[in-house]
Amino acid sequence: MEAYYEFERPIANLEKKITDLRSMAQQEGMDFGSEITALQQKLEKLIQETYANLSPWQRVQLSRHPQRPYAQDYIDHLIEDFQELHGDRKFRDDAAIIGGLGKFRGRPILLIAQQKGRGTKEKMKRNFGMAKPEGYRKAIRLMEMADRFSLPILTLVDTPGAYPGIDAEERGQSEAIADSIMRMFGLKVPVISVVIGEGGSGGALAVAVANVVLMQEFSTYSVISPESCASILWSDSSMSEQASKVLRLSAPEVLSLGVIDKIIEEPKGGAHRDHALAAKLLGDEIHKQLEKLTKEDLNLDKSRLERFRSMGSKYMISAPV
């Protein structure tokens, strides 16, 4: 079943008209070719205009679109012979984070991905993409394994944030996130991170300390969700639309701040409209960046540290002496 946000309603109405005309043409044996062509041209123009003028809140909605490709969708399209590895060897497995070995365009890699899940049962299993400490400790274990075997690491980020529940706090949530960030700075292999949906708070950063950080066109990356920000600043979560403007969380804004390196184009109207094309565009950019990182003679851990240390430096204002 197709899902639409309110700002997509005119697009949905046009698509329905085209579908109805095609169905009528088939049933009645009539030729509506010219009418369908005119409607398709109108639809393409409407899609282009709509998605070229999105508000920050509409971009947040698109990053959460229920039909947007999740990490598992990209794994299915891009990774050959994927072998998932489970558990942190300390407590248990965390299904909110997928980790494993596979081949990306013929090259062996280690992949770490945050998975939200579709349908009530899978959403509960994946905890809506919110990892607990064991998820980050699993990621650490696998990334250090990749480091030992000189395997490039690819991480796909899509989480509203780390799980804030009592049980996660009891098992050291903040320590697990901090440890993951610290360990990633020491990795000697190439690391590429891509925000494919929501990049929320430390839960996202914990697997995004990379040599190259990319964002898909309609993804978001922020220190906090708009709803939580509104609750803290104005004690009113209904002001999340206003918070989304303040947070500057869209891909173009995050790029302008120097937090990411590049924006990956999505199919017209968003990745949810064409999973296969979205995966190809994503794969092409990852391949390009991976080729560059593996060919250059870089001190990867040092360059990664320098990248994050310099982040935002051009926006700092010196205090008067």
Protein backbone atom coordinates (compact mmCIF):
# COMPACT_ATOMS: atom_id res chain seq x y z
CA MET A 1 0.00 0.00 0.00
CA GLU A 2 1.34 3.41 -1.03
CA ALA A 3 1.95 5.94 1.75
CA TYR A 4 1.86 9.69 1.21
CA TYR A 5 2.44 12.74 3.35
CA GLU A 6 0.08 15.69 3.05
CA PHE A 7 2.47 17.69 0.85
CA GLU A 8 2.59 14.70 -1.53
CA ARG A 9 -1.21 14.54 -1.91
CA PRO A 10 -1.36 16.39 -5.29
CA ILE A 11 1.22 13.93 -6.62
CA ALA A 12 -0.80 10.99 -5.33
CA ASN A 13 -3.95 12.31 -7.00
CA LEU A 14 -2.22 12.63 -10.37
CA GLU A 15 -0.72 9.16 -10.08
CA LYS A 16 -4.17 7.76 -9.35
CA LYS A 17 -5.61 9.46 -12.44
CA ILE A 18 -2.89 7.92 -14.60
CA THR A 19 -3.49 4.48 -13.08
CA ASP A 20 -7.25 4.77 -13.59
CA LEU A 21 -6.84 5.84 -17.22
CA ARG A 22 -4.52 2.92 -17.95
CA SER A 23 -6.95 0.52 -16.30
CA MET A 24 -9.88 1.94 -18.29
CA ALA A 25 -7.92 1.73 -21.53
CA GLN A 26 -7.17 -1.92 -20.88
CA GLN A 27 -10.73 -2.80 -19.89
CA GLU A 28 -12.52 -0.83 -22.60
CA GLY A 29 -9.97 -1.25 -25.36
CA MET A 30 -9.69 2.52 -25.78
CA ASP A 31 -6.64 4.63 -26.58
CA PHE A 32 -5.85 7.23 -23.94
CA GLY A 33 -2.19 7.52 -24.93
CA SER A 34 -2.16 11.28 -25.46
CA GLU A 35 -4.05 11.96 -22.22
CA ILE A 36 -1.72 9.69 -20.23
CA THR A 37 1.36 11.32 -21.77
CA ALA A 38 0.08 14.79 -20.86
CA LEU A 39 -0.63 13.69 -17.29
CA GLN A 40 2.79 12.06 -16.97
CA GLN A 41 4.49 15.27 -18.09
CA LYS A 42 2.43 17.21 -15.58
CA LEU A 43 3.33 14.66 -12.89
CA GLU A 44 7.08 14.90 -13.59
CA LYS A 45 6.92 18.69 -13.39
CA LEU A 46 4.93 18.57 -10.14
CA ILE A 47 7.38 16.10 -8.56
CA GLN A 48 10.33 18.28 -9.54
CA GLU A 49 8.72 21.45 -8.14
CA THR A 50 7.52 19.79 -4.94
CA TYR A 51 10.81 18.18 -3.95
CA ALA A 52 12.90 21.17 -4.97
CA ASN A 53 11.12 23.38 -2.44
CA LEU A 54 10.82 21.22 0.67
CA SER A 55 10.73 22.78 4.12
CA PRO A 56 13.07 21.38 6.81
CA TRP A 57 10.12 19.55 8.42
CA GLN A 58 9.11 17.98 5.11
CA ARG A 59 12.69 16.74 4.73
CA VAL A 60 12.42 15.19 8.19
CA GLN A 61 9.23 13.45 7.09
CA LEU A 62 10.91 12.10 3.95
CA SER A 63 13.86 10.76 5.96
CA ARG A 64 11.29 8.75 7.95
CA HIS A 65 9.12 7.74 4.99
CA PRO A 66 7.71 4.25 5.69
CA GLN A 67 8.56 3.13 2.15
CA ARG A 68 12.08 4.57 2.14
CA PRO A 69 14.75 1.89 1.58
CA TYR A 70 16.16 0.61 4.85
CA ALA A 71 19.63 -0.83 5.38
CA GLN A 72 18.53 -4.38 4.58
CA ASP A 73 17.15 -3.20 1.24
CA TYR A 74 20.53 -1.73 0.31
CA ILE A 75 22.32 -4.86 1.52
CA ASP A 76 20.11 -6.96 -0.75
CA HIS A 77 20.89 -4.72 -3.73
CA LEU A 78 24.58 -3.99 -3.16
CA ILE A 79 26.26 -6.69 -1.07
CA GLU A 80 27.04 -10.13 -2.46
CA ASP A 81 27.42 -13.22 -0.27
CA PHE A 82 26.51 -11.28 2.85
CA GLN A 83 27.14 -13.26 6.03
CA GLU A 84 25.63 -11.66 9.11
CA LEU A 85 27.58 -12.02 12.35
CA HIS A 86 25.82 -11.81 15.69
CA GLY A 87 26.44 -10.93 19.31
CA ASP A 88 28.78 -8.77 21.37
CA ARG A 89 30.30 -11.73 23.27
CA LYS A 90 29.26 -10.05 26.51
CA PHE A 91 25.47 -9.96 26.76
CA ARG A 92 23.46 -10.81 23.61
CA ASP A 93 22.77 -9.86 20.00
CA ASP A 94 21.07 -6.56 19.15
CA ALA A 95 18.93 -6.74 16.01
CA ALA A 96 18.86 -2.93 15.69
CA ILE A 97 22.39 -3.18 14.28
CA ILE A 98 23.23 -5.53 11.43
CA GLY A 99 26.87 -6.47 11.04
CA GLY A 100 28.61 -8.87 8.73
CA LEU A 101 30.97 -9.70 5.88
CA GLY A 102 30.27 -9.56 2.18
CA LYS A 103 31.49 -8.36 -1.19
CA PHE A 104 30.77 -4.93 -2.57
CA ARG A 105 31.36 -4.95 -6.34
CA GLY A 106 33.87 -7.74 -5.92
CA ARG A 107 35.70 -6.21 -2.96
CA PRO A 108 35.47 -7.90 0.48
CA ILE A 109 34.18 -5.48 3.10
CA LEU A 110 32.71 -5.37 6.58
CA LEU A 111 29.30 -3.73 6.82
CA ILE A 112 27.65 -2.23 9.90
CA ALA A 113 24.08 -0.97 9.45
CA GLN A 114 21.21 0.30 11.56
CA GLN A 115 17.90 -1.32 10.67
CA LYS A 116 14.45 0.00 11.63
CA GLY A 117 12.25 -2.80 10.34
CA ARG A 118 8.88 -2.95 8.58
CA GLY A 119 5.67 -4.21 10.11
CA THR A 120 4.91 -4.33 13.82
CA LYS A 121 6.73 -7.60 14.49
CA GLU A 122 9.97 -6.58 12.81
CA LYS A 123 9.85 -3.05 14.24
CA MET A 124 9.70 -4.56 17.71
CA LYS A 125 12.53 -6.97 16.89
CA ARG A 126 14.70 -4.11 15.57
CA ASN A 127 13.59 -1.78 18.40
CA PHE A 128 12.72 0.84 15.74
CA GLY A 129 16.41 1.12 14.85
CA MET A 130 17.41 2.23 18.36
CA ALA A 131 20.42 0.21 19.46
CA LYS A 132 21.26 -0.77 23.02
CA PRO A 133 24.81 -1.09 24.43
CA GLU A 134 25.19 -4.62 23.09
CA GLY A 135 24.55 -3.29 19.59
CA TYR A 136 27.43 -0.83 19.78
CA ARG A 137 29.67 -3.42 21.43
CA LYS A 138 28.86 -5.81 18.57
CA ALA A 139 29.82 -3.07 16.12
CA ILE A 140 33.11 -2.50 17.96
CA ARG A 141 33.91 -6.22 17.91
CA LEU A 142 33.27 -6.50 14.18
CA MET A 143 35.10 -3.30 13.23
CA GLU A 144 38.18 -4.38 15.16
CA MET A 145 38.00 -7.74 13.38
CA ALA A 146 37.91 -5.89 10.05
CA ASP A 147 40.93 -3.87 11.16
CA ARG A 148 42.89 -7.07 11.88
CA PHE A 149 42.09 -8.49 8.44
CA SER A 150 42.55 -5.18 6.57
CA LEU A 151 38.95 -5.00 5.37
CA PRO A 152 37.35 -1.66 4.45
CA ILE A 153 34.36 -0.76 6.61
CA LEU A 154 31.04 0.60 5.36
CA THR A 155 28.41 1.83 7.80
CA LEU A 156 24.80 2.73 6.94
CA VAL A 157 23.25 5.14 9.44
CA ASP A 158 19.50 5.21 10.04
CA THR A 159 18.35 5.72 13.61
CA PRO A 160 16.31 8.24 15.61
CA GLY A 161 18.96 7.78 18.30
CA ALA A 162 20.30 5.25 20.77
CA TYR A 163 17.70 3.53 22.94
CA PRO A 164 17.13 5.66 26.11
CA GLY A 165 15.49 2.97 28.27
CA ILE A 166 16.51 2.09 31.82
CA ASP A 167 17.86 -1.34 30.87
CA ALA A 168 20.19 0.25 28.29
CA GLU A 169 21.41 2.79 30.83
CA GLU A 170 22.01 0.03 33.37
CA ARG A 171 24.27 -1.76 30.90
CA GLY A 172 26.30 1.36 30.09
CA GLN A 173 24.72 2.99 27.06
CA SER A 174 26.77 6.19 27.13
CA GLU A 175 30.00 4.27 27.76
CA ALA A 176 29.30 1.94 24.82
CA ILE A 177 28.67 4.89 22.48
CA ALA A 178 31.79 6.74 23.68
CA ASP A 179 33.88 3.57 23.33
CA SER A 180 32.66 3.00 19.78
CA ILE A 181 33.56 6.58 18.82
CA MET A 182 37.00 6.24 20.38
CA ARG A 183 37.73 2.85 18.76
CA MET A 184 36.70 4.10 15.32
CA PHE A 185 39.29 6.88 15.52
CA GLY A 186 41.98 4.21 15.88
CA LEU A 187 41.02 2.03 12.90
CA LYS A 188 43.75 1.67 10.26
CA VAL A 189 41.41 0.69 7.42
CA PRO A 190 39.21 2.91 5.21
CA VAL A 191 35.85 3.75 6.78
CA ILE A 192 32.91 5.18 4.82
CA SER A 193 29.64 6.14 6.51
CA VAL A 194 26.39 6.99 4.74
CA VAL A 195 23.33 8.53 6.38
CA ILE A 196 20.48 6.81 4.51
CA GLY A 197 17.54 8.06 6.59
CA GLU A 198 17.66 9.56 10.06
CA GLY A 199 21.04 10.32 11.58
CA GLY A 200 20.02 10.92 15.16
CA SER A 201 22.31 12.02 17.98
CA GLY A 202 25.13 9.91 19.46
CA GLY A 203 23.33 6.79 18.33
CA ALA A 204 24.25 7.73 14.77
CA LEU A 205 27.70 9.18 15.48
CA ALA A 206 28.73 5.98 17.26
CA VAL A 207 29.04 4.25 13.88
CA ALA A 208 29.81 7.31 11.74
CA VAL A 209 33.36 8.27 12.68
CA ALA A 210 34.62 7.80 9.15
CA ASN A 211 37.19 9.03 6.66
CA VAL A 212 34.31 9.96 4.36
CA VAL A 213 30.79 10.78 5.57
CA LEU A 214 28.01 10.94 2.98
CA MET A 215 24.30 11.74 3.13
CA GLN A 216 21.52 10.80 0.81
CA GLU A 217 19.67 13.82 -0.57
CA PHE A 218 16.59 13.58 1.65
CA SER A 219 18.19 12.18 4.79
CA THR A 220 18.74 14.19 7.97
CA TYR A 221 21.63 14.38 10.45
CA SER A 222 21.29 16.10 13.80
CA VAL A 223 22.37 16.15 17.41
CA ILE A 224 18.77 15.56 18.50
CA SER A 225 15.38 14.83 16.96
CA PRO A 226 13.10 17.84 16.29
CA GLU A 227 10.51 16.47 18.75
CA SER A 228 13.03 16.12 21.59
CA CYS A 229 14.55 19.50 20.80
CA ALA A 230 11.11 21.15 20.96
CA SER A 231 10.37 19.42 24.27
CA ILE A 232 13.61 20.73 25.78
CA LEU A 233 13.57 24.28 24.37
CA TRP A 234 9.85 25.05 24.54
CA SER A 235 8.41 22.22 26.66
CA ASP A 236 6.15 21.50 23.70
CA SER A 237 6.89 18.66 21.28
CA SER A 238 4.25 20.03 18.89
CA MET A 239 6.78 22.74 17.96
CA SER A 240 8.95 20.14 16.22
CA GLU A 241 8.44 21.85 12.86
CA GLN A 242 10.00 25.02 14.25
CA ALA A 243 12.80 22.97 15.85
CA SER A 244 13.63 21.37 12.51
CA LYS A 245 14.41 24.84 11.12
CA VAL A 246 16.71 25.70 14.02
CA LEU A 247 18.61 22.40 13.94
CA ARG A 248 19.82 22.79 10.32
CA LEU A 249 19.57 19.05 9.81
CA SER A 250 18.97 18.75 6.05
CA ALA A 251 21.73 17.42 3.79
CA PRO A 252 22.53 20.79 2.13
CA GLU A 253 22.75 22.53 5.51
CA VAL A 254 24.89 19.80 7.06
CA LEU A 255 27.20 19.92 4.02
CA SER A 256 27.54 23.70 4.37
CA LEU A 257 28.64 23.19 7.98
CA GLY A 258 31.41 20.82 6.90
CA VAL A 259 29.99 17.87 8.83
CA ILE A 260 29.68 15.67 5.74
CA ASP A 261 31.71 15.41 2.55
CA LYS A 262 29.09 14.93 -0.14
CA ILE A 263 25.37 14.53 -0.85
CA ILE A 264 24.23 11.47 -2.80
CA GLU A 265 21.47 12.23 -5.27
CA GLU A 266 18.21 10.28 -4.91
CA PRO A 267 15.66 9.34 -7.59
CA LYS A 268 13.20 12.13 -8.43
CA GLY A 269 10.74 12.34 -5.58
CA GLY A 270 12.92 10.47 -3.10
CA ALA A 271 14.50 7.05 -2.64
CA HIS A 272 11.15 5.51 -1.68
CA ARG A 273 9.95 5.91 -5.29
CA ASP A 274 12.65 3.68 -6.80
CA HIS A 275 14.64 1.40 -4.50
CA ALA A 276 16.76 -0.08 -7.28
CA LEU A 277 17.84 3.31 -8.66
CA ALA A 278 18.46 4.65 -5.15
CA ALA A 279 20.72 1.65 -4.48
CA LYS A 280 22.62 2.19 -7.74
CA LEU A 281 23.22 5.87 -7.02
CA LEU A 282 24.33 5.00 -3.49
CA GLY A 283 26.58 2.18 -4.69
CA ASP A 284 28.23 4.30 -7.38
CA GLU A 285 29.27 6.96 -4.86
CA ILE A 286 30.48 4.42 -2.29
CA HIS A 287 32.54 2.71 -5.00
CA LYS A 288 34.08 6.01 -6.07
CA GLN A 289 35.00 6.97 -2.50
CA LEU A 290 36.31 3.50 -1.66
CA GLU A 291 38.53 3.46 -4.74
CA LYS A 292 39.93 6.84 -3.77
CA LEU A 293 40.63 5.85 -0.16
CA THR A 294 42.30 2.55 -1.04
CA LYS A 295 44.51 4.06 -3.77
CA GLU A 296 45.73 7.07 -1.81
CA ASP A 297 48.69 6.61 0.50
CA LEU A 298 46.99 7.94 3.61
CA ASN A 299 47.52 7.55 7.30
CA LEU A 300 43.83 6.75 7.66
CA ASP A 301 43.48 6.95 11.44
CA LYS A 302 45.36 10.26 11.55
CA SER A 303 43.38 11.78 8.65
CA ARG A 304 40.13 10.65 10.29
CA LEU A 305 41.09 12.34 13.55
CA GLU A 306 42.14 15.53 11.75
CA ARG A 307 38.88 15.55 9.81
CA PHE A 308 36.79 15.62 12.97
CA ARG A 309 39.10 18.00 14.84
CA SER A 310 38.83 20.57 12.07
CA MET A 311 35.05 20.24 11.81
CA GLY A 312 33.35 23.59 12.36
CA SER A 313 36.63 25.46 12.86
CA LYS A 314 35.78 28.07 10.22
CA TYR A 315 32.63 28.95 12.16
CA MET A 316 34.39 29.53 15.49
CA ILE A 317 34.76 33.10 16.71
CA SER A 318 37.76 33.93 18.83
CA ALA A 319 36.95 35.44 22.21
CA PRO A 320 38.55 38.82 22.94
CA VAL A 321 41.72 38.68 25.02
